Amino acid sequence: MLNHALIVEDDEVTLFLTQTVIEKSRFVKMTDVATDGLEAYRFLCEHKTDVVFLDISLPVMTGLELLEKCRTQPGINVPFIVLSSTDREAELAEKGEYPQVIMHLRKPLSTADMEQVKNAVLTHKRVS
């Protein structure tokens, strides 16, 4: 079980669905929310987080911009699960430029997806 996850999502319905699935999985004790990339970046600079569920299309700072900024910030070493609604977003996040992305999933997150997330995060933690 993980202590803390951050969900970065600007759509209220998708955020609610994502948070509900994560909480029901009982894989994460606590979740926090950021509604744009800059808010997420500031949060990650100040809080220990075990995993980030990241939307790509965000206001202020996009998900890709957040990944780039986090990649160059030595204090932020957290795995990202990219949640996207289009194949184009998935392609951008999976080009290998962002080693912190350990998985890509299509929205909305499902209970079955959480089993894959658990395996990916636990494998990542053992390797890192």
N, C-alpha and C. Protein backbone atom coordinates (compact mmCIF):
# COMPACT_ATOMS: atom_id res chain seq x y z
N MET A 1 0.84 -1.19 0.00
CA MET A 1 0.00 0.00 0.00
C MET A 1 0.89 1.25 0.00
N LEU A 2 0.47 2.22 -0.78
CA LEU A 2 1.19 3.48 -0.85
C LEU A 2 0.58 4.48 0.11
N ASN A 3 1.39 5.41 0.56
CA ASN A 3 0.89 6.43 1.48
C ASN A 3 0.17 7.57 0.77
N HIS A 4 0.71 7.99 -0.38
CA HIS A 4 0.21 9.24 -0.95
C HIS A 4 0.24 9.27 -2.46
N ALA A 5 -0.87 9.70 -3.06
CA ALA A 5 -0.95 9.89 -4.52
C ALA A 5 -1.44 11.30 -4.80
N LEU A 6 -0.98 11.82 -5.92
CA LEU A 6 -1.45 13.12 -6.41
C LEU A 6 -2.17 12.88 -7.73
N ILE A 7 -3.39 13.41 -7.83
CA ILE A 7 -4.16 13.35 -9.07
C ILE A 7 -4.11 14.75 -9.68
N VAL A 8 -3.65 14.82 -10.93
CA VAL A 8 -3.57 16.11 -11.63
C VAL A 8 -4.57 16.06 -12.78
N GLU A 9 -5.70 16.73 -12.57
CA GLU A 9 -6.82 16.66 -13.51
C GLU A 9 -7.65 17.93 -13.37
N ASP A 10 -8.03 18.53 -14.50
CA ASP A 10 -8.81 19.77 -14.45
C ASP A 10 -10.30 19.56 -14.70
N ASP A 11 -10.70 18.40 -15.18
CA ASP A 11 -12.11 18.12 -15.42
C ASP A 11 -12.74 17.52 -14.16
N GLU A 12 -13.77 18.17 -13.63
CA GLU A 12 -14.35 17.76 -12.35
C GLU A 12 -14.92 16.34 -12.37
N VAL A 13 -15.59 15.96 -13.45
CA VAL A 13 -16.19 14.62 -13.54
C VAL A 13 -15.09 13.56 -13.59
N THR A 14 -14.09 13.77 -14.44
CA THR A 14 -12.98 12.81 -14.54
C THR A 14 -12.23 12.74 -13.23
N LEU A 15 -12.03 13.86 -12.58
CA LEU A 15 -11.37 13.88 -11.28
C LEU A 15 -12.14 13.05 -10.27
N PHE A 16 -13.44 13.24 -10.21
CA PHE A 16 -14.28 12.48 -9.27
C PHE A 16 -14.17 10.99 -9.54
N LEU A 17 -14.27 10.59 -10.82
CA LEU A 17 -14.19 9.17 -11.18
C LEU A 17 -12.82 8.59 -10.83
N THR A 18 -11.76 9.33 -11.14
CA THR A 18 -10.40 8.86 -10.85
C THR A 18 -10.19 8.70 -9.36
N GLN A 19 -10.60 9.70 -8.61
CA GLN A 19 -10.43 9.66 -7.16
C GLN A 19 -11.22 8.50 -6.55
N THR A 20 -12.42 8.28 -7.04
CA THR A 20 -13.27 7.19 -6.52
C THR A 20 -12.62 5.83 -6.76
N VAL A 21 -12.12 5.61 -7.98
CA VAL A 21 -11.48 4.33 -8.30
C VAL A 21 -10.23 4.12 -7.44
N ILE A 22 -9.43 5.14 -7.28
CA ILE A 22 -8.21 5.03 -6.48
C ILE A 22 -8.56 4.72 -5.02
N GLU A 23 -9.52 5.44 -4.48
CA GLU A 23 -9.90 5.22 -3.07
C GLU A 23 -10.50 3.83 -2.86
N LYS A 24 -11.31 3.38 -3.79
CA LYS A 24 -11.92 2.04 -3.67
C LYS A 24 -10.88 0.92 -3.78
N SER A 25 -9.78 1.19 -4.45
CA SER A 25 -8.74 0.17 -4.61
C SER A 25 -8.02 -0.11 -3.30
N ARG A 26 -8.03 0.84 -2.41
CA ARG A 26 -7.33 0.76 -1.13
C ARG A 26 -5.82 0.53 -1.29
N PHE A 27 -5.31 0.94 -2.44
CA PHE A 27 -3.88 0.84 -2.71
C PHE A 27 -3.15 2.08 -2.21
N VAL A 28 -3.88 3.18 -2.06
CA VAL A 28 -3.30 4.45 -1.63
C VAL A 28 -4.08 4.95 -0.42
N LYS A 29 -3.35 5.34 0.63
CA LYS A 29 -4.01 5.82 1.84
C LYS A 29 -4.64 7.20 1.67
N MET A 30 -3.94 8.10 0.96
CA MET A 30 -4.42 9.47 0.86
C MET A 30 -4.17 10.01 -0.54
N THR A 31 -5.14 10.78 -1.05
CA THR A 31 -4.95 11.43 -2.36
C THR A 31 -5.10 12.94 -2.21
N ASP A 32 -4.28 13.64 -2.97
CA ASP A 32 -4.41 15.09 -3.09
C ASP A 32 -4.69 15.39 -4.55
N VAL A 33 -5.14 16.61 -4.81
CA VAL A 33 -5.55 17.00 -6.15
C VAL A 33 -4.89 18.31 -6.54
N ALA A 34 -4.48 18.38 -7.80
CA ALA A 34 -4.04 19.63 -8.41
C ALA A 34 -4.82 19.75 -9.72
N THR A 35 -5.26 20.96 -10.04
CA THR A 35 -6.08 21.14 -11.24
C THR A 35 -5.32 21.74 -12.42
N ASP A 36 -4.04 21.99 -12.23
CA ASP A 36 -3.20 22.42 -13.35
C ASP A 36 -1.76 22.00 -13.07
N GLY A 37 -0.94 22.05 -14.10
CA GLY A 37 0.43 21.60 -13.98
C GLY A 37 1.28 22.39 -13.01
N LEU A 38 1.09 23.69 -12.97
CA LEU A 38 1.88 24.52 -12.06
C LEU A 38 1.54 24.20 -10.60
N GLU A 39 0.27 24.05 -10.31
CA GLU A 39 -0.15 23.68 -8.96
C GLU A 39 0.46 22.33 -8.58
N ALA A 40 0.46 21.38 -9.51
CA ALA A 40 1.05 20.06 -9.26
C ALA A 40 2.55 20.17 -9.00
N TYR A 41 3.24 20.97 -9.80
CA TYR A 41 4.68 21.15 -9.63
C TYR A 41 5.00 21.70 -8.24
N ARG A 42 4.28 22.72 -7.86
CA ARG A 42 4.51 23.31 -6.52
C ARG A 42 4.25 22.29 -5.42
N PHE A 43 3.19 21.50 -5.59
CA PHE A 43 2.87 20.47 -4.61
C PHE A 43 4.01 19.45 -4.51
N LEU A 44 4.49 18.98 -5.67
CA LEU A 44 5.55 17.97 -5.68
C LEU A 44 6.86 18.48 -5.09
N CYS A 45 7.11 19.77 -5.21
CA CYS A 45 8.31 20.36 -4.62
C CYS A 45 8.24 20.38 -3.09
N GLU A 46 7.04 20.36 -2.56
CA GLU A 46 6.86 20.51 -1.11
C GLU A 46 6.42 19.25 -0.38
N HIS A 47 5.94 18.22 -1.11
CA HIS A 47 5.36 17.04 -0.46
C HIS A 47 5.92 15.75 -1.05
N LYS A 48 6.16 14.78 -0.17
CA LYS A 48 6.56 13.44 -0.64
C LYS A 48 5.31 12.76 -1.20
N THR A 49 5.45 12.27 -2.40
CA THR A 49 4.33 11.64 -3.09
C THR A 49 4.82 10.32 -3.68
N ASP A 50 4.01 9.28 -3.57
CA ASP A 50 4.41 7.96 -4.06
C ASP A 50 4.10 7.73 -5.53
N VAL A 51 3.05 8.37 -6.04
CA VAL A 51 2.68 8.21 -7.44
C VAL A 51 1.82 9.40 -7.87
N VAL A 52 1.94 9.77 -9.15
CA VAL A 52 1.14 10.87 -9.70
C VAL A 52 0.31 10.32 -10.86
N PHE A 53 -0.98 10.59 -10.82
CA PHE A 53 -1.89 10.29 -11.92
C PHE A 53 -2.05 11.59 -12.68
N LEU A 54 -1.56 11.63 -13.92
CA LEU A 54 -1.41 12.89 -14.65
C LEU A 54 -2.21 12.96 -15.94
N ASP A 55 -3.03 13.99 -16.05
CA ASP A 55 -3.68 14.34 -17.30
C ASP A 55 -2.65 15.12 -18.13
N ILE A 56 -2.75 15.04 -19.45
CA ILE A 56 -1.83 15.77 -20.31
C ILE A 56 -2.36 17.15 -20.65
N SER A 57 -3.63 17.25 -20.96
CA SER A 57 -4.24 18.54 -21.36
C SER A 57 -4.68 19.30 -20.12
N LEU A 58 -3.82 20.18 -19.68
CA LEU A 58 -4.08 20.96 -18.46
C LEU A 58 -3.88 22.45 -18.73
N PRO A 59 -4.57 23.29 -17.95
CA PRO A 59 -4.34 24.72 -18.07
C PRO A 59 -3.05 25.14 -17.35
N VAL A 60 -2.61 26.32 -17.60
CA VAL A 60 -1.45 26.97 -16.98
C VAL A 60 -0.13 26.29 -17.38
N MET A 61 0.03 25.02 -17.04
CA MET A 61 1.21 24.23 -17.43
C MET A 61 0.67 22.85 -17.82
N THR A 62 0.96 22.42 -19.05
CA THR A 62 0.44 21.12 -19.50
C THR A 62 1.12 19.97 -18.77
N GLY A 63 0.55 18.79 -18.93
CA GLY A 63 1.16 17.61 -18.34
C GLY A 63 2.56 17.35 -18.87
N LEU A 64 2.76 17.57 -20.17
CA LEU A 64 4.10 17.38 -20.75
C LEU A 64 5.09 18.40 -20.20
N GLU A 65 4.65 19.63 -20.03
CA GLU A 65 5.52 20.65 -19.43
C GLU A 65 5.86 20.28 -17.98
N LEU A 66 4.90 19.73 -17.27
CA LEU A 66 5.15 19.29 -15.89
C LEU A 66 6.16 18.15 -15.88
N LEU A 67 6.00 17.19 -16.76
CA LEU A 67 6.96 16.09 -16.83
C LEU A 67 8.38 16.60 -17.10
N GLU A 68 8.50 17.54 -18.03
CA GLU A 68 9.81 18.11 -18.36
C GLU A 68 10.41 18.83 -17.15
N LYS A 69 9.61 19.62 -16.49
CA LYS A 69 10.09 20.38 -15.33
C LYS A 69 10.51 19.43 -14.20
N CYS A 70 9.72 18.39 -13.97
CA CYS A 70 10.04 17.42 -12.91
C CYS A 70 11.28 16.61 -13.24
N ARG A 71 11.48 16.33 -14.52
CA ARG A 71 12.64 15.56 -14.95
C ARG A 71 13.94 16.28 -14.61
N THR A 72 13.91 17.59 -14.64
CA THR A 72 15.12 18.38 -14.38
C THR A 72 15.22 18.86 -12.92
N GLN A 73 14.26 18.49 -12.11
CA GLN A 73 14.25 18.89 -10.70
C GLN A 73 14.75 17.72 -9.85
N PRO A 74 15.95 17.80 -9.29
CA PRO A 74 16.54 16.66 -8.57
C PRO A 74 15.69 16.15 -7.39
N GLY A 75 14.95 16.99 -6.74
CA GLY A 75 14.18 16.57 -5.57
C GLY A 75 12.89 15.83 -5.89
N ILE A 76 12.52 15.79 -7.16
CA ILE A 76 11.25 15.14 -7.53
C ILE A 76 11.57 13.83 -8.24
N ASN A 77 11.38 12.74 -7.53
CA ASN A 77 11.62 11.41 -8.09
C ASN A 77 10.40 10.56 -7.80
N VAL A 78 9.40 10.69 -8.64
CA VAL A 78 8.13 10.00 -8.42
C VAL A 78 7.65 9.41 -9.74
N PRO A 79 7.07 8.21 -9.70
CA PRO A 79 6.53 7.64 -10.95
C PRO A 79 5.22 8.32 -11.35
N PHE A 80 5.03 8.48 -12.65
CA PHE A 80 3.82 9.09 -13.19
C PHE A 80 3.02 8.05 -13.98
N ILE A 81 1.72 8.05 -13.75
CA ILE A 81 0.77 7.29 -14.55
C ILE A 81 0.04 8.32 -15.40
N VAL A 82 0.22 8.28 -16.70
CA VAL A 82 -0.42 9.26 -17.58
C VAL A 82 -1.82 8.76 -17.94
N LEU A 83 -2.79 9.60 -17.68
CA LEU A 83 -4.18 9.33 -18.04
C LEU A 83 -4.56 10.26 -19.18
N SER A 84 -4.94 9.69 -20.32
CA SER A 84 -5.27 10.56 -21.45
C SER A 84 -6.52 10.08 -22.16
N SER A 85 -7.08 10.97 -22.92
CA SER A 85 -8.31 10.64 -23.65
C SER A 85 -8.06 10.44 -25.14
N THR A 86 -6.83 10.71 -25.59
CA THR A 86 -6.53 10.55 -27.02
C THR A 86 -5.24 9.76 -27.22
N ASP A 87 -5.15 9.10 -28.35
CA ASP A 87 -3.93 8.36 -28.68
C ASP A 87 -2.75 9.31 -28.88
N ARG A 88 -3.01 10.50 -29.39
CA ARG A 88 -1.95 11.49 -29.61
C ARG A 88 -1.26 11.86 -28.30
N GLU A 89 -2.05 12.07 -27.26
CA GLU A 89 -1.48 12.39 -25.95
C GLU A 89 -0.62 11.23 -25.46
N ALA A 90 -1.09 10.02 -25.66
CA ALA A 90 -0.35 8.84 -25.23
C ALA A 90 0.99 8.76 -25.95
N GLU A 91 0.98 9.00 -27.26
CA GLU A 91 2.20 8.97 -28.05
C GLU A 91 3.22 9.98 -27.55
N LEU A 92 2.75 11.17 -27.23
CA LEU A 92 3.65 12.21 -26.75
C LEU A 92 4.31 11.82 -25.43
N ALA A 93 3.53 11.24 -24.53
CA ALA A 93 4.06 10.88 -23.22
C ALA A 93 4.92 9.62 -23.25
N GLU A 94 4.77 8.79 -24.28
CA GLU A 94 5.48 7.53 -24.31
C GLU A 94 6.70 7.53 -25.23
N LYS A 95 7.12 8.66 -25.69
CA LYS A 95 8.25 8.72 -26.61
C LYS A 95 9.58 8.36 -25.96
N GLY A 96 9.61 8.12 -24.69
CA GLY A 96 10.85 7.78 -24.02
C GLY A 96 11.58 8.98 -23.46
N GLU A 97 11.04 10.16 -23.72
CA GLU A 97 11.68 11.37 -23.21
C GLU A 97 11.43 11.57 -21.72
N TYR A 98 10.47 10.84 -21.21
CA TYR A 98 10.06 11.03 -19.82
C TYR A 98 10.17 9.70 -19.07
N PRO A 99 11.36 9.40 -18.57
CA PRO A 99 11.55 8.11 -17.90
C PRO A 99 10.69 7.93 -16.64
N GLN A 100 10.19 9.04 -16.12
CA GLN A 100 9.36 8.92 -14.92
C GLN A 100 7.95 8.43 -15.23
N VAL A 101 7.58 8.36 -16.52
CA VAL A 101 6.28 7.82 -16.90
C VAL A 101 6.41 6.31 -16.96
N ILE A 102 5.73 5.62 -16.05
CA ILE A 102 5.83 4.16 -15.99
C ILE A 102 4.63 3.48 -16.63
N MET A 103 3.59 4.26 -16.96
CA MET A 103 2.41 3.65 -17.54
C MET A 103 1.52 4.71 -18.15
N HIS A 104 0.81 4.30 -19.20
CA HIS A 104 -0.20 5.16 -19.82
C HIS A 104 -1.52 4.41 -19.81
N LEU A 105 -2.58 5.10 -19.41
CA LEU A 105 -3.92 4.52 -19.41
C LEU A 105 -4.90 5.48 -20.05
N ARG A 106 -5.91 4.93 -20.66
CA ARG A 106 -6.98 5.75 -21.24
C ARG A 106 -7.98 6.11 -20.15
N LYS A 107 -8.50 7.32 -20.27
CA LYS A 107 -9.56 7.75 -19.35
C LYS A 107 -10.87 7.09 -19.77
N PRO A 108 -11.74 6.85 -18.84
CA PRO A 108 -11.60 7.00 -17.39
C PRO A 108 -10.87 5.80 -16.77
N LEU A 109 -10.21 6.05 -15.65
CA LEU A 109 -9.53 5.01 -14.90
C LEU A 109 -10.57 4.01 -14.40
N SER A 110 -10.25 2.73 -14.50
CA SER A 110 -11.20 1.70 -14.05
C SER A 110 -10.59 0.87 -12.92
N THR A 111 -11.42 0.07 -12.29
CA THR A 111 -10.96 -0.83 -11.23
C THR A 111 -9.92 -1.81 -11.78
N ALA A 112 -10.17 -2.32 -12.98
CA ALA A 112 -9.21 -3.24 -13.61
C ALA A 112 -7.88 -2.54 -13.87
N ASP A 113 -7.92 -1.27 -14.26
CA ASP A 113 -6.70 -0.50 -14.47
C ASP A 113 -5.87 -0.43 -13.19
N MET A 114 -6.52 -0.33 -12.05
CA MET A 114 -5.80 -0.18 -10.79
C MET A 114 -4.94 -1.40 -10.48
N GLU A 115 -5.34 -2.58 -10.94
CA GLU A 115 -4.49 -3.76 -10.77
C GLU A 115 -3.19 -3.59 -11.55
N GLN A 116 -3.30 -3.07 -12.77
CA GLN A 116 -2.11 -2.80 -13.58
C GLN A 116 -1.24 -1.73 -12.92
N VAL A 117 -1.89 -0.70 -12.39
CA VAL A 117 -1.17 0.38 -11.71
C VAL A 117 -0.40 -0.18 -10.51
N LYS A 118 -1.04 -0.99 -9.71
CA LYS A 118 -0.38 -1.58 -8.54
C LYS A 118 0.88 -2.32 -8.97
N ASN A 119 0.75 -3.17 -9.97
CA ASN A 119 1.90 -3.95 -10.43
C ASN A 119 3.02 -3.05 -10.96
N ALA A 120 2.66 -2.05 -11.74
CA ALA A 120 3.66 -1.15 -12.32
C ALA A 120 4.38 -0.34 -11.24
N VAL A 121 3.63 0.19 -10.30
CA VAL A 121 4.24 1.01 -9.24
C VAL A 121 5.13 0.16 -8.34
N LEU A 122 4.65 -1.01 -7.95
CA LEU A 122 5.46 -1.86 -7.08
C LEU A 122 6.72 -2.35 -7.79
N THR A 123 6.62 -2.67 -9.07
CA THR A 123 7.79 -3.06 -9.85
C THR A 123 8.78 -1.90 -9.95
N HIS A 124 8.25 -0.70 -10.22
CA HIS A 124 9.09 0.49 -10.32
C HIS A 124 9.82 0.75 -9.01
N LYS A 125 9.13 0.62 -7.90
CA LYS A 125 9.75 0.88 -6.59
C LYS A 125 10.85 -0.14 -6.28
N ARG A 126 10.67 -1.40 -6.70
CA ARG A 126 11.70 -2.41 -6.47
C ARG A 126 12.95 -2.14 -7.30
N VAL A 127 12.76 -1.64 -8.51
CA VAL A 127 13.88 -1.38 -9.43
C VAL A 127 14.62 -0.10 -9.06
N SER A 128 13.90 0.93 -8.59
CA SER A 128 14.54 2.23 -8.32
C SER A 128 15.38 2.23 -7.08
